[in-house]
């Protein structure tokens, strides 16, 4: 049957346009058959793998280090200045630990 061939080609991860060229049918017909079979989108063939997340045994296991240094007249937006009294001077301008 033609619908079974279209589904087989889709499971080989061919697009609807490529299936239409392979079978000689119009893209609209191929799209209609794929929608009826529940395979109209690529993610319907094989769902995406879950995201790998890093977990730490204790809180604070990951340290965030901000190295942009875009405050107190440094960086891209230096025309937007901050009063010098608010600028931290104890830490270096390029490495601030938050």
N, C-alpha and C. Protein backbone atom coordinates (compact mmCIF):
# COMPACT_ATOMS: atom_id res chain seq x y z
N UNK A 1 0.85 -1.19 0.00
CA UNK A 1 0.00 0.00 0.00
C UNK A 1 0.89 1.25 0.00
N UNK A 2 0.44 2.29 -0.64
CA UNK A 2 1.22 3.51 -0.81
C UNK A 2 1.42 4.26 0.52
N UNK A 3 0.40 4.26 1.36
CA UNK A 3 0.51 4.95 2.65
C UNK A 3 1.58 4.30 3.52
N UNK A 4 1.68 3.00 3.46
CA UNK A 4 2.69 2.29 4.25
C UNK A 4 4.10 2.64 3.75
N UNK A 5 4.25 2.80 2.45
CA UNK A 5 5.56 3.19 1.90
C UNK A 5 5.94 4.60 2.35
N UNK A 6 4.95 5.50 2.37
CA UNK A 6 5.21 6.88 2.81
C UNK A 6 5.64 6.89 4.28
N UNK A 7 4.97 6.09 5.10
CA UNK A 7 5.32 6.02 6.53
C UNK A 7 6.71 5.43 6.71
N UNK A 8 7.05 4.43 5.92
CA UNK A 8 8.39 3.82 5.98
C UNK A 8 9.46 4.84 5.60
N UNK A 9 9.21 5.61 4.56
CA UNK A 9 10.17 6.64 4.16
C UNK A 9 10.30 7.72 5.23
N UNK A 10 9.20 8.04 5.89
CA UNK A 10 9.24 9.07 6.94
C UNK A 10 10.06 8.59 8.13
N UNK A 11 9.96 7.32 8.46
CA UNK A 11 10.73 6.78 9.58
C UNK A 11 12.23 6.74 9.26
N UNK A 12 12.57 6.88 7.99
CA UNK A 12 13.97 7.03 7.59
C UNK A 12 14.39 8.50 7.63
N UNK A 13 13.53 9.34 8.20
CA UNK A 13 13.76 10.77 8.44
C UNK A 13 13.82 11.59 7.15
N UNK A 14 13.05 11.20 6.14
CA UNK A 14 12.93 12.01 4.93
C UNK A 14 11.86 13.08 5.15
N UNK A 15 12.04 14.23 4.54
CA UNK A 15 11.03 15.28 4.64
C UNK A 15 9.86 14.96 3.72
N UNK A 16 8.76 15.67 3.91
CA UNK A 16 7.58 15.45 3.09
C UNK A 16 7.84 15.74 1.63
N UNK A 17 8.63 16.76 1.35
CA UNK A 17 8.95 17.10 -0.04
C UNK A 17 9.77 16.00 -0.70
N UNK A 18 10.73 15.43 0.02
CA UNK A 18 11.54 14.35 -0.52
C UNK A 18 10.71 13.09 -0.73
N UNK A 19 9.77 12.83 0.19
CA UNK A 19 8.88 11.68 0.03
C UNK A 19 8.01 11.86 -1.20
N UNK A 20 7.53 13.08 -1.42
CA UNK A 20 6.70 13.36 -2.59
C UNK A 20 7.48 13.13 -3.88
N UNK A 21 8.74 13.55 -3.91
CA UNK A 21 9.57 13.32 -5.10
C UNK A 21 9.84 11.84 -5.31
N UNK A 22 10.03 11.11 -4.21
CA UNK A 22 10.33 9.68 -4.29
C UNK A 22 9.13 8.86 -4.79
N UNK A 23 7.93 9.23 -4.30
CA UNK A 23 6.74 8.44 -4.63
C UNK A 23 5.99 8.96 -5.85
N UNK A 24 6.26 10.19 -6.27
CA UNK A 24 5.54 10.76 -7.40
C UNK A 24 4.19 11.35 -7.04
N UNK A 25 3.92 11.51 -5.76
CA UNK A 25 2.66 12.13 -5.30
C UNK A 25 2.89 13.61 -5.06
N UNK A 26 1.79 14.33 -4.88
CA UNK A 26 1.92 15.76 -4.58
C UNK A 26 2.30 15.92 -3.09
N UNK A 27 3.00 17.00 -2.75
CA UNK A 27 3.36 17.22 -1.35
C UNK A 27 2.15 17.34 -0.43
N UNK A 28 1.03 17.85 -0.94
CA UNK A 28 -0.18 17.97 -0.11
C UNK A 28 -0.72 16.59 0.26
N UNK A 29 -0.68 15.64 -0.68
CA UNK A 29 -1.15 14.29 -0.39
C UNK A 29 -0.25 13.61 0.62
N UNK A 30 1.06 13.77 0.46
CA UNK A 30 2.01 13.19 1.41
C UNK A 30 1.80 13.79 2.79
N UNK A 31 1.60 15.09 2.85
CA UNK A 31 1.37 15.76 4.13
C UNK A 31 0.11 15.25 4.81
N UNK A 32 -0.95 15.05 4.02
CA UNK A 32 -2.20 14.56 4.57
C UNK A 32 -2.05 13.14 5.14
N UNK A 33 -1.32 12.29 4.43
CA UNK A 33 -1.10 10.92 4.90
C UNK A 33 -0.24 10.90 6.17
N UNK A 34 0.79 11.75 6.19
CA UNK A 34 1.65 11.82 7.37
C UNK A 34 0.90 12.35 8.58
N UNK A 35 0.03 13.32 8.37
CA UNK A 35 -0.75 13.87 9.48
C UNK A 35 -1.71 12.82 10.03
N UNK A 36 -2.33 12.06 9.14
CA UNK A 36 -3.24 11.00 9.56
C UNK A 36 -2.50 9.93 10.37
N UNK A 37 -1.25 9.65 10.00
CA UNK A 37 -0.45 8.65 10.71
C UNK A 37 0.19 9.19 11.98
N UNK A 38 0.08 10.52 12.21
CA UNK A 38 0.68 11.12 13.40
C UNK A 38 2.18 11.35 13.27
N UNK A 39 2.66 11.47 12.04
CA UNK A 39 4.10 11.67 11.79
C UNK A 39 4.37 12.95 11.02
N UNK A 40 3.54 13.96 11.21
CA UNK A 40 3.69 15.17 10.42
C UNK A 40 4.90 16.00 10.81
N UNK A 41 5.39 15.85 12.04
CA UNK A 41 6.58 16.60 12.47
C UNK A 41 7.72 15.62 12.74
N UNK A 42 8.93 16.09 12.57
CA UNK A 42 10.10 15.23 12.79
C UNK A 42 10.19 14.76 14.23
N UNK A 43 9.77 15.59 15.16
CA UNK A 43 9.87 15.17 16.56
C UNK A 43 8.85 14.09 16.90
N UNK A 44 7.87 13.85 16.03
CA UNK A 44 6.92 12.76 16.26
C UNK A 44 7.56 11.41 15.97
N UNK A 45 8.62 11.38 15.17
CA UNK A 45 9.29 10.13 14.84
C UNK A 45 10.06 9.62 16.06
N UNK A 46 10.92 10.45 16.59
CA UNK A 46 11.70 10.10 17.78
C UNK A 46 11.75 11.34 18.66
N UNK A 47 11.21 11.26 19.87
CA UNK A 47 11.23 12.44 20.74
C UNK A 47 12.64 12.86 21.11
N UNK A 48 12.80 14.11 21.45
CA UNK A 48 14.11 14.65 21.80
C UNK A 48 14.63 14.00 23.08
N UNK A 49 15.94 13.85 23.16
CA UNK A 49 16.54 13.27 24.35
C UNK A 49 16.45 14.27 25.50
N UNK A 50 16.30 13.78 26.73
CA UNK A 50 16.22 14.70 27.86
C UNK A 50 17.53 15.47 28.05
N UNK A 51 17.41 16.66 28.58
CA UNK A 51 18.56 17.52 28.80
C UNK A 51 19.37 16.99 29.98
N UNK A 52 20.69 16.91 29.81
CA UNK A 52 21.56 16.47 30.89
C UNK A 52 21.85 17.66 31.79
N UNK A 53 21.49 17.53 33.04
CA UNK A 53 21.71 18.62 34.00
C UNK A 53 22.75 18.19 35.02
N UNK A 54 23.53 19.15 35.46
CA UNK A 54 24.54 18.86 36.47
C UNK A 54 23.94 19.05 37.84
N UNK A 55 24.16 18.08 38.72
CA UNK A 55 23.66 18.18 40.08
C UNK A 55 24.85 18.10 41.02
N UNK A 56 24.78 18.88 42.09
CA UNK A 56 25.85 18.91 43.08
C UNK A 56 25.31 18.42 44.41
N UNK A 57 26.18 17.78 45.18
CA UNK A 57 25.76 17.18 46.44
C UNK A 57 25.37 18.23 47.47
N UNK A 58 26.03 19.36 47.46
CA UNK A 58 25.74 20.40 48.46
C UNK A 58 25.46 21.72 47.75
N UNK A 59 24.69 22.59 48.39
CA UNK A 59 24.44 23.92 47.80
C UNK A 59 25.74 24.71 47.71
N UNK A 60 25.87 25.48 46.66
CA UNK A 60 27.07 26.29 46.48
C UNK A 60 28.20 25.52 45.83
N UNK A 61 27.90 24.36 45.26
CA UNK A 61 28.94 23.57 44.61
C UNK A 61 29.40 24.18 43.30
N UNK A 62 28.62 25.08 42.75
CA UNK A 62 28.97 25.75 41.51
C UNK A 62 29.19 27.23 41.81
N UNK A 63 30.32 27.76 41.43
CA UNK A 63 30.64 29.16 41.68
C UNK A 63 30.45 29.93 40.39
N UNK A 64 29.76 31.08 40.48
CA UNK A 64 29.54 31.94 39.33
C UNK A 64 30.58 33.05 39.36
N UNK A 65 31.29 33.22 38.27
CA UNK A 65 32.32 34.24 38.17
C UNK A 65 31.96 35.17 37.03
N UNK A 66 31.72 36.44 37.35
CA UNK A 66 31.36 37.43 36.34
C UNK A 66 32.63 38.15 35.90
N UNK A 67 32.96 38.05 34.61
CA UNK A 67 34.21 38.65 34.13
C UNK A 67 33.97 39.75 33.11
N UNK A 68 32.75 40.24 33.01
CA UNK A 68 32.46 41.26 32.00
C UNK A 68 33.12 42.59 32.35
N UNK A 69 32.97 43.05 33.56
CA UNK A 69 33.60 44.28 33.99
C UNK A 69 33.04 45.52 33.32
N UNK A 70 31.73 45.59 33.12
CA UNK A 70 31.14 46.70 32.41
C UNK A 70 30.56 47.78 33.30
N UNK A 71 31.10 48.01 34.48
CA UNK A 71 30.60 49.06 35.36
C UNK A 71 31.66 50.13 35.52
N UNK A 72 31.25 51.28 35.96
CA UNK A 72 32.12 52.42 36.28
C UNK A 72 32.90 52.92 35.06
N UNK A 73 32.22 53.05 33.93
CA UNK A 73 32.85 53.64 32.76
C UNK A 73 33.69 52.68 31.95
N UNK A 74 33.61 51.40 32.21
CA UNK A 74 34.35 50.41 31.41
C UNK A 74 33.34 49.58 30.63
N UNK A 75 33.71 49.09 29.49
CA UNK A 75 32.82 48.24 28.71
C UNK A 75 32.18 48.99 27.56
N UNK A 76 31.17 48.37 26.95
CA UNK A 76 30.55 48.94 25.76
C UNK A 76 29.72 50.18 26.06
N UNK A 77 29.04 50.20 27.17
CA UNK A 77 28.15 51.32 27.47
C UNK A 77 28.82 52.30 28.44
N UNK A 78 30.00 52.75 28.09
CA UNK A 78 30.73 53.62 29.01
C UNK A 78 30.14 55.02 29.06
N UNK A 79 29.27 55.37 28.09
CA UNK A 79 28.65 56.70 28.15
C UNK A 79 27.60 56.75 29.27
N UNK A 80 27.15 55.63 29.75
CA UNK A 80 26.21 55.59 30.88
C UNK A 80 27.04 55.36 32.14
N UNK A 81 27.51 56.42 32.74
CA UNK A 81 28.43 56.30 33.86
C UNK A 81 27.69 56.19 35.19
N UNK A 82 28.36 55.62 36.14
CA UNK A 82 27.87 55.51 37.50
C UNK A 82 28.76 56.41 38.35
N UNK A 83 28.19 57.01 39.38
CA UNK A 83 28.99 57.87 40.24
C UNK A 83 30.17 57.08 40.80
N UNK A 84 31.31 57.71 40.85
CA UNK A 84 32.53 57.05 41.31
C UNK A 84 32.40 56.57 42.74
N UNK A 85 31.54 57.20 43.55
CA UNK A 85 31.39 56.78 44.94
C UNK A 85 30.74 55.40 45.04
N UNK A 86 30.00 54.98 43.97
CA UNK A 86 29.34 53.68 43.99
C UNK A 86 30.20 52.59 43.37
N UNK A 87 31.35 52.94 42.82
CA UNK A 87 32.20 51.97 42.16
C UNK A 87 33.02 51.20 43.20
N UNK A 88 32.99 49.87 43.17
CA UNK A 88 33.82 49.11 44.10
C UNK A 88 35.29 49.20 43.71
N UNK A 89 36.12 49.46 44.67
CA UNK A 89 37.55 49.58 44.38
C UNK A 89 38.34 48.44 44.97
N UNK A 90 37.73 47.62 45.85
CA UNK A 90 38.49 46.56 46.50
C UNK A 90 38.71 45.36 45.57
N UNK A 91 37.82 45.14 44.60
CA UNK A 91 37.99 44.03 43.66
C UNK A 91 38.52 44.56 42.34
N UNK A 92 39.19 43.71 41.60
CA UNK A 92 39.68 44.16 40.30
C UNK A 92 38.49 44.39 39.37
N UNK A 93 38.69 45.19 38.35
CA UNK A 93 37.58 45.56 37.45
C UNK A 93 37.13 44.40 36.59
N UNK A 94 37.99 43.45 36.31
CA UNK A 94 37.64 42.37 35.39
C UNK A 94 37.21 41.07 36.08
N UNK A 95 37.32 40.96 37.36
CA UNK A 95 36.93 39.73 38.05
C UNK A 95 36.19 40.08 39.32
N UNK A 96 34.89 39.96 39.29
CA UNK A 96 34.08 40.21 40.49
C UNK A 96 33.36 38.92 40.83
N UNK A 97 33.44 38.49 42.05
CA UNK A 97 32.83 37.24 42.49
C UNK A 97 31.48 37.53 43.11
N UNK A 98 30.43 36.90 42.55
CA UNK A 98 29.08 37.11 43.06
C UNK A 98 28.59 35.86 43.72
